[in-house]
C-alpha atoms as a PDB file:
ATOM      1  CA  MET A   1       0.536   0.039   0.125  1.00  0.00           C
ATOM      2  CA  ALA A   2       1.349   3.879  -1.127  1.00  0.00           C
ATOM      3  CA  GLU A   3       1.293   5.865   1.834  1.00  0.00           C
ATOM      4  CA  ILE A   4       2.847   9.685   1.880  1.00  0.00           C
ATOM      5  CA  ALA A   5       2.914  10.192   6.463  1.00  0.00           C
ATOM      6  CA  ASP A   6       3.509  13.553   7.304  1.00  0.00           C
ATOM      7  CA  SER A   7       4.261  13.074  11.457  1.00  0.00           C
ATOM      8  CA  GLY A   8       3.288  15.144  13.709  1.00  0.00           C
ATOM      9  CA  GLY A   9       5.091  18.053  15.409  1.00  0.00           C
ATOM     10  CA  GLY A  10       4.814  19.455  18.656  1.00  0.00           C
ATOM     11  CA  GLY A  11       6.756  21.819  21.273  1.00  0.00           C
ATOM     12  CA  HIS A  12       6.970  24.760  22.325  1.00  0.00           C
ATOM     13  CA  LYS A  13       8.156  28.062  20.413  1.00  0.00           C
ATOM     14  CA  GLY A  14       8.709  31.400  21.896  1.00  0.00           C
ATOM     15  CA  GLY A  15       7.435  30.595  25.373  1.00  0.00           C
ATOM     16  CA  LYS A  16       4.535  29.299  23.606  1.00  0.00           C
ATOM     17  CA  LYS A  17       2.921  25.784  23.308  1.00  0.00           C
ATOM     18  CA  ARG A  18       1.857  24.403  19.626  1.00  0.00           C
ATOM     19  CA  ALA A  19      -0.643  21.932  18.901  1.00  0.00           C
ATOM     20  CA  LYS A  20       0.444  18.952  17.971  1.00  0.00           C
ATOM     21  CA  LYS A  21      -0.625  18.080  14.283  1.00  0.00           C
ATOM     22  CA  GLN A  22      -2.355  14.711  13.643  1.00  0.00           C
ATOM     23  CA  SER A  23      -0.423  12.442  11.628  1.00  0.00           C
ATOM     24  CA  THR A  24      -2.370  12.651   7.368  1.00  0.00           C
ATOM     25  CA  ARG A  25      -1.923   9.446   5.376  1.00  0.00           C
ATOM     26  CA  ILE A  26      -2.925   9.125   2.056  1.00  0.00           C
ATOM     27  CA  ASP A  27      -4.370   5.940   0.663  1.00  0.00           C
ATOM     28  CA  MET A  28      -2.532   6.263  -3.392  1.00  0.00           C
ATOM     29  CA  THR A  29      -3.306   2.106  -4.026  1.00  0.00           C
ATOM     30  CA  PRO A  30      -7.122   3.707  -5.688  1.00  0.00           C
ATOM     31  CA  MET A  31      -5.222   6.224  -7.838  1.00  0.00           C
ATOM     32  CA  VAL A  32      -3.018   4.358  -9.999  1.00  0.00           C
ATOM     33  CA  ASP A  33      -5.580   1.364 -10.233  1.00  0.00           C
ATOM     34  CA  LEU A  34      -7.588   4.267 -11.713  1.00  0.00           C
ATOM     35  CA  ALA A  35      -4.336   4.822 -13.167  1.00  0.00           C
ATOM     36  CA  PHE A  36      -4.137   2.034 -15.270  1.00  0.00           C
ATOM     37  CA  LEU A  37      -7.758   1.079 -15.961  1.00  0.00           C
ATOM     38  CA  LEU A  38      -7.980   4.476 -17.836  1.00  0.00           C
ATOM     39  CA  LEU A  39      -4.644   3.501 -19.776  1.00  0.00           C
ATOM     40  CA  THR A  40      -6.027   0.227 -20.945  1.00  0.00           C
ATOM     41  CA  PHE A  41      -8.817   1.857 -21.917  1.00  0.00           C
ATOM     42  CA  PHE A  42      -6.828   4.612 -23.279  1.00  0.00           C
ATOM     43  CA  VAL A  43      -4.861   1.720 -25.652  1.00  0.00           C
ATOM     44  CA  LEU A  44      -8.039  -0.988 -26.033  1.00  0.00           C
ATOM     45  CA  THR A  45     -10.352   1.663 -27.834  1.00  0.00           C
ATOM     46  CA  ALA A  46      -7.529   3.803 -29.725  1.00  0.00           C
ATOM     47  CA  THR A  47      -7.287   3.419 -32.870  1.00  0.00           C
ATOM     48  CA  PHE A  48      -3.818   3.267 -34.792  1.00  0.00           C
ATOM     49  CA  SER A  49      -2.671   3.880 -38.075  1.00  0.00           C
ATOM     50  CA  LYS A  50      -3.494   1.661 -40.997  1.00  0.00           C
ATOM     51  CA  PRO A  51      -1.149   1.313 -43.765  1.00  0.00           C
ATOM     52  CA  LYS A  52      -3.036   3.084 -47.082  1.00  0.00           C
ATOM     53  CA  SER A  53      -3.295   0.898 -50.276  1.00  0.00           C
ATOM     54  CA  MET A  54      -4.768   1.568 -53.275  1.00  0.00           C
ATOM     55  CA  GLU A  55      -6.020  -1.211 -54.803  1.00  0.00           C
ATOM     56  CA  LEU A  56      -4.757  -1.460 -58.941  1.00  0.00           C
ATOM     57  CA  THR A  57      -5.514  -4.543 -61.245  1.00  0.00           C
ATOM     58  CA  PHE A  58      -3.569  -6.023 -63.034  1.00  0.00           C
ATOM     59  CA  PRO A  59      -4.056  -8.094 -66.849  1.00  0.00           C
ATOM     60  CA  ASP A  60      -4.616 -11.857 -66.880  1.00  0.00           C
ATOM     61  CA  PRO A  61      -0.311 -12.603 -67.826  1.00  0.00           C
ATOM     62  CA  THR A  62      -1.091 -14.452 -69.891  1.00  0.00           C
ATOM     63  CA  VAL A  63      -3.371 -12.343 -72.443  1.00  0.00           C
ATOM     64  CA  ILE A  64      -0.397 -11.575 -76.086  1.00  0.00           C
ATOM     65  CA  PRO A  65       0.650  -7.862 -74.578  1.00  0.00           C
ATOM     66  CA  GLU A  66      -1.463  -7.081 -78.919  1.00  0.00           C
ATOM     67  CA  GLU A  67      -4.705  -8.296 -78.090  1.00  0.00           C
ATOM     68  CA  GLN A  68      -4.909  -5.250 -75.327  1.00  0.00           C
ATOM     69  CA  THR A  69      -5.494  -2.868 -77.856  1.00  0.00           C
ATOM     70  CA  LYS A  70      -8.685  -4.945 -79.531  1.00  0.00           C
ATOM     71  CA  ILE A  71     -11.003  -2.890 -76.532  1.00  0.00           C
ATOM     72  CA  LYS A  72     -12.946  -0.917 -78.726  1.00  0.00           C
ATOM     73  CA  LYS A  73     -15.268   1.504 -75.929  1.00  0.00           C
ATOM     74  CA  GLY A  74     -11.132   1.950 -74.674  1.00  0.00           C
ATOM     75  CA  VAL A  75      -9.092   4.895 -73.528  1.00  0.00           C
ATOM     76  CA  THR A  76      -5.153   4.169 -73.288  1.00  0.00           C
ATOM     77  CA  PHE A  77      -3.740   7.087 -70.794  1.00  0.00           C
ATOM     78  CA  LEU A  78       0.729   7.259 -71.693  1.00  0.00           C
ATOM     79  CA  LEU A  79       2.197   8.925 -68.262  1.00  0.00           C
ATOM     80  CA  THR A  80       5.433  10.248 -69.569  1.00  0.00           C
ATOM     81  CA  LYS A  81       8.222  13.143 -68.906  1.00  0.00           C
ATOM     82  CA  GLU A  82       7.131  16.498 -67.478  1.00  0.00           C
ATOM     83  CA  ASP A  83       3.860  15.339 -66.359  1.00  0.00           C
ATOM     84  CA  LYS A  84       2.200  14.810 -69.320  1.00  0.00           C
ATOM     85  CA  ILE A  85      -0.734  12.676 -69.781  1.00  0.00           C
ATOM     86  CA  LEU A  86      -1.038  11.496 -73.420  1.00  0.00           C
ATOM     87  CA  TYR A  87      -4.489   9.267 -74.589  1.00  0.00           C
ATOM     88  CA  TYR A  88      -5.695   7.728 -77.038  1.00  0.00           C
ATOM     89  CA  GLU A  89      -9.621   5.921 -77.606  1.00  0.00           C
ATOM     90  CA  GLY A  90     -10.848   2.778 -79.064  1.00  0.00           C
ATOM     91  CA  GLU A  91      -8.519   0.096 -80.541  1.00  0.00           C
ATOM     92  CA  PHE A  92      -4.224   0.820 -81.769  1.00  0.00           C
ATOM     93  CA  ARG A  93      -3.514   0.548 -85.478  1.00  0.00           C
ATOM     94  CA  GLU A  94      -0.518   1.754 -86.496  1.00  0.00           C
ATOM     95  CA  LYS A  95      -1.429   2.335 -89.823  1.00  0.00           C
ATOM     96  CA  PRO A  96      -5.368   2.736 -91.373  1.00  0.00           C
ATOM     97  CA  ASP A  97      -7.099  -0.727 -91.357  1.00  0.00           C
ATOM     98  CA  ASP A  98      -8.948  -2.542 -94.878  1.00  0.00           C
ATOM     99  CA  LYS A  99     -12.311  -0.924 -92.875  1.00  0.00           C
ATOM    100  CA  GLY A 100     -11.705   2.940 -93.358  1.00  0.00           C
ATOM    101  CA  ASN A 101     -10.574   3.647 -90.069  1.00  0.00           C
ATOM    102  CA  PRO A 102      -7.281   6.277 -90.091  1.00  0.00           C
ATOM    103  CA  ALA A 103      -4.065   5.606 -87.747  1.00  0.00           C
ATOM    104  CA  THR A 104      -3.812   5.943 -84.137  1.00  0.00           C
ATOM    105  CA  THR A 105      -2.733   9.989 -82.891  1.00  0.00           C
ATOM    106  CA  LEU A 106      -2.085  10.344 -79.731  1.00  0.00           C
ATOM    107  CA  GLU A 107      -3.907  13.646 -78.175  1.00  0.00           C
ATOM    108  CA  GLU A 108      -2.559  15.186 -74.357  1.00  0.00           C
ATOM    109  CA  LEU A 109      -4.945  16.247 -71.539  1.00  0.00           C
ATOM    110  CA  SER A 110      -3.158  18.462 -68.755  1.00  0.00           C
ATOM    111  CA  PHE A 111      -3.322  17.153 -64.611  1.00  0.00           C
ATOM    112  CA  SER A 112      -4.720  21.131 -63.511  1.00  0.00           C
ATOM    113  CA  ARG A 113      -8.464  21.633 -63.153  1.00  0.00           C
ATOM    114  CA  ASP A 114      -8.708  25.078 -64.749  1.00  0.00           C
ATOM    115  CA  ALA A 115      -7.762  23.923 -67.763  1.00  0.00           C
ATOM    116  CA  LYS A 116      -9.197  23.444 -71.368  1.00  0.00           C
ATOM    117  CA  ASN A 117      -7.940  19.992 -71.961  1.00  0.00           C
ATOM    118  CA  SER A 118      -8.181  18.897 -68.511  1.00  0.00           C
ATOM    119  CA  LEU A 119      -8.346  15.050 -67.033  1.00  0.00           C
ATOM    120  CA  ARG A 120     -10.909  15.367 -64.700  1.00  0.00           C
ATOM    121  CA  ALA A 121     -13.386  17.446 -67.060  1.00  0.00           C
ATOM    122  CA  TYR A 122     -12.729  14.081 -69.863  1.00  0.00           C
ATOM    123  CA  LEU A 123     -13.258  11.887 -67.363  1.00  0.00           C
ATOM    124  CA  LEU A 124     -16.624  13.671 -66.387  1.00  0.00           C
ATOM    125  CA  LYS A 125     -17.177  13.848 -70.022  1.00  0.00           C
ATOM    126  CA  ASN A 126     -17.432  10.109 -70.576  1.00  0.00           C
ATOM    127  CA  SER A 127     -19.081   9.013 -66.942  1.00  0.00           C
ATOM    128  CA  THR A 128     -22.549  11.293 -67.565  1.00  0.00           C
ATOM    129  CA  ASP A 129     -24.463   8.339 -68.345  1.00  0.00           C
ATOM    130  CA  MET A 130     -22.906   6.687 -65.679  1.00  0.00           C
ATOM    131  CA  HIS A 131     -22.763   9.616 -62.193  1.00  0.00           C
ATOM    132  CA  THR A 132     -26.522  10.092 -63.389  1.00  0.00           C
ATOM    133  CA  LYS A 133     -27.330   6.717 -62.624  1.00  0.00           C
ATOM    134  CA  ILE A 134     -24.879   6.614 -59.093  1.00  0.00           C
ATOM    135  CA  LEU A 135     -26.886   9.707 -58.985  1.00  0.00           C
ATOM    136  CA  ALA A 136     -30.187   8.811 -58.371  1.00  0.00           C
ATOM    137  CA  LEU A 137     -29.508   5.846 -56.720  1.00  0.00           C
ATOM    138  CA  LYS A 138     -27.831   7.825 -54.446  1.00  0.00           C
ATOM    139  CA  LYS A 139     -30.871   9.891 -53.759  1.00  0.00           C
ATOM    140  CA  GLN A 140     -32.877   6.297 -53.087  1.00  0.00           C
ATOM    141  CA  PHE A 141     -30.372   5.293 -50.481  1.00  0.00           C
ATOM    142  CA  GLU A 142     -31.005   8.826 -48.897  1.00  0.00           C
ATOM    143  CA  ALA A 143     -34.131   8.670 -48.978  1.00  0.00           C
ATOM    144  CA  LYS A 144     -34.792   4.618 -47.820  1.00  0.00           C
ATOM    145  CA  GLN A 145     -35.988   3.722 -49.886  1.00  0.00           C
ATOM    146  CA  LEU A 146     -32.256   1.120 -50.774  1.00  0.00           C
ATOM    147  CA  GLU A 147     -30.845  -0.454 -48.145  1.00  0.00           C
ATOM    148  CA  ASP A 148     -27.060   0.020 -47.552  1.00  0.00           C
ATOM    149  CA  THR A 149     -26.097  -3.671 -48.881  1.00  0.00           C
ATOM    150  CA  THR A 150     -28.580  -3.200 -51.703  1.00  0.00           C
ATOM    151  CA  TYR A 151     -27.748  -0.017 -53.192  1.00  0.00           C
ATOM    152  CA  LYS A 152     -23.379  -0.912 -52.639  1.00  0.00           C
ATOM    153  CA  ARG A 153     -23.938  -4.040 -54.870  1.00  0.00           C
ATOM    154  CA  LYS A 154     -26.107  -1.208 -57.189  1.00  0.00           C
ATOM    155  CA  VAL A 155     -23.538   1.236 -58.037  1.00  0.00           C
ATOM    156  CA  LYS A 156     -21.182  -1.940 -58.111  1.00  0.00           C
ATOM    157  CA  GLU A 157     -23.323  -3.363 -61.526  1.00  0.00           C
ATOM    158  CA  VAL A 158     -23.581   0.619 -62.866  1.00  0.00           C
ATOM    159  CA  LYS A 159     -19.813   0.802 -62.674  1.00  0.00           C
ATOM    160  CA  ALA A 160     -19.856  -2.955 -64.181  1.00  0.00           C
ATOM    161  CA  ASP A 161     -21.426  -2.325 -66.900  1.00  0.00           C
ATOM    162  CA  LYS A 162     -20.154  -2.937 -70.058  1.00  0.00           C
ATOM    163  CA  GLU A 163     -20.990  -0.350 -72.418  1.00  0.00           C
ATOM    164  CA  SER A 164     -19.733   1.583 -69.952  1.00  0.00           C
ATOM    165  CA  TYR A 165     -15.417   2.949 -70.317  1.00  0.00           C
ATOM    166  CA  THR A 166     -12.607   1.076 -69.944  1.00  0.00           C
ATOM    167  CA  TYR A 167      -9.509   3.215 -69.265  1.00  0.00           C
ATOM    168  CA  LEU A 168      -5.844   1.776 -69.480  1.00  0.00           C
ATOM    169  CA  ILE A 169      -2.766   2.789 -67.676  1.00  0.00           C
ATOM    170  CA  LYS A 170       0.239   2.938 -69.037  1.00  0.00           C
ATOM    171  CA  THR A 171       3.703   4.274 -68.800  1.00  0.00           C
ATOM    172  CA  ASP A 172       7.551   4.797 -70.175  1.00  0.00           C
ATOM    173  CA  ASP A 173      10.522   5.029 -68.503  1.00  0.00           C
ATOM    174  CA  LYS A 174      10.287   8.272 -67.997  1.00  0.00           C
ATOM    175  CA  ALA A 175       6.600   8.461 -65.826  1.00  0.00           C
ATOM    176  CA  THR A 176       7.037   9.130 -61.713  1.00  0.00           C
ATOM    177  CA  TYR A 177       5.313   7.298 -59.493  1.00  0.00           C
ATOM    178  CA  LYS A 178       2.587  10.457 -58.850  1.00  0.00           C
ATOM    179  CA  ASN A 179       1.893  10.755 -62.047  1.00  0.00           C
ATOM    180  CA  VAL A 180       0.066   7.171 -61.931  1.00  0.00           C
ATOM    181  CA  ILE A 181      -1.255   7.787 -58.555  1.00  0.00           C
ATOM    182  CA  ASP A 182      -3.103  11.101 -59.331  1.00  0.00           C
ATOM    183  CA  VAL A 183      -4.456   9.778 -62.644  1.00  0.00           C
ATOM    184  CA  ILE A 184      -5.679   6.424 -59.809  1.00  0.00           C
ATOM    185  CA  ASP A 185      -6.892   9.450 -57.656  1.00  0.00           C
ATOM    186  CA  GLU A 186      -9.072  10.352 -60.173  1.00  0.00           C
ATOM    187  CA  LEU A 187     -10.368   7.707 -62.179  1.00  0.00           C
ATOM    188  CA  ASN A 188     -11.455   6.933 -58.440  1.00  0.00           C
ATOM    189  CA  TYR A 189     -13.540  10.540 -58.003  1.00  0.00           C
ATOM    190  CA  ASN A 190     -14.975  10.046 -61.020  1.00  0.00           C
ATOM    191  CA  ALA A 191     -16.634   7.160 -59.845  1.00  0.00           C
ATOM    192  CA  VAL A 192     -14.855   4.833 -62.758  1.00  0.00           C
ATOM    193  CA  GLY A 193     -15.060   1.909 -62.604  1.00  0.00           C
ATOM    194  CA  LYS A 194     -12.989  -0.012 -65.073  1.00  0.00           C
ATOM    195  CA  TYR A 195      -8.913   0.349 -64.903  1.00  0.00           C
ATOM    196  CA  VAL A 196      -5.551  -1.521 -65.741  1.00  0.00           C
ATOM    197  CA  MET A 197      -2.491  -0.957 -65.538  1.00  0.00           C
ATOM    198  CA  VAL A 198      -0.936  -1.777 -68.500  1.00  0.00           C
ATOM    199  CA  ASP A 199       2.657  -2.350 -70.118  1.00  0.00           C
ATOM    200  CA  LEU A 200       3.334  -0.081 -73.138  1.00  0.00           C
ATOM    201  CA  ILE A 201       4.237  -1.769 -76.401  1.00  0.00           C
ATOM    202  CA  LYS A 202       6.456  -0.109 -78.547  1.00  0.00           C
ATOM    203  CA  PRO A 203       4.752   0.983 -81.491  1.00  0.00           C
ATOM    204  CA  GLU A 204       3.003   2.723 -78.717  1.00  0.00           C
ATOM    205  CA  PHE A 205       6.844   3.936 -77.144  1.00  0.00           C
ATOM    206  CA  ASP A 206       7.172   4.852 -80.305  1.00  0.00           C
ATOM    207  CA  MET A 207       4.341   7.192 -80.653  1.00  0.00           C
ATOM    208  CA  ILE A 208       5.278   8.617 -77.296  1.00  0.00           C
ATOM    209  CA  VAL A 209       9.197   9.466 -78.512  1.00  0.00           C
ATOM    210  CA  ALA A 210       7.403  11.139 -82.022  1.00  0.00           C
ATOM    211  CA  LYS A 211       5.501  13.501 -80.399  1.00  0.00           C
ATOM    212  CA  VAL A 212       7.678  14.087 -77.516  1.00  0.00           C
ATOM    213  CA  GLY A 213      11.479  13.451 -77.600  1.00  0.00           C
ATOM    214  CA  GLN A 214      13.711  11.112 -75.882  1.00  0.00           C
END
């Protein structure tokens, strides 16, 4: 038992008799027990920082690289130096095909949200129908017309719609990790349901070099 003892005193001073002090004892045991209980409570209820992770979808390794370019309703982002985002829509064609479709040309997007060719504006334009459907589901959920699990399932189904765009993200050796993360953040912000990381093929690399140089 922890105690603080203050011994009594007495005696004469200046011819006057001092009153004898009573001994004071404070039992510290309950305070120590309380401190340990509080410490245990905070340790058990505290939320420790969790490692942050990002979901990435990679293609089937058995798929031939050339077959990855045969996505009809797809957009391919090519990330390279100087924070550049080059892209093309649909299938990749080195030269015009026999159906009259022209060879693939690269366009450029910007990370700046104020730019006319901003990545966010481009994704919003492509995802208008999807956003409309998700917004309608959100209103039903907020009006308590849908259960939480049903709402999440329906949103997932909307994102997985075959008619929605599939986005391919490719990088050369001069692209930065920051740019890759920024693109994925924009895809997630705009409720894009389908995107994958894919290896760059040589014809695409040649087009990047022709567009921005070595």
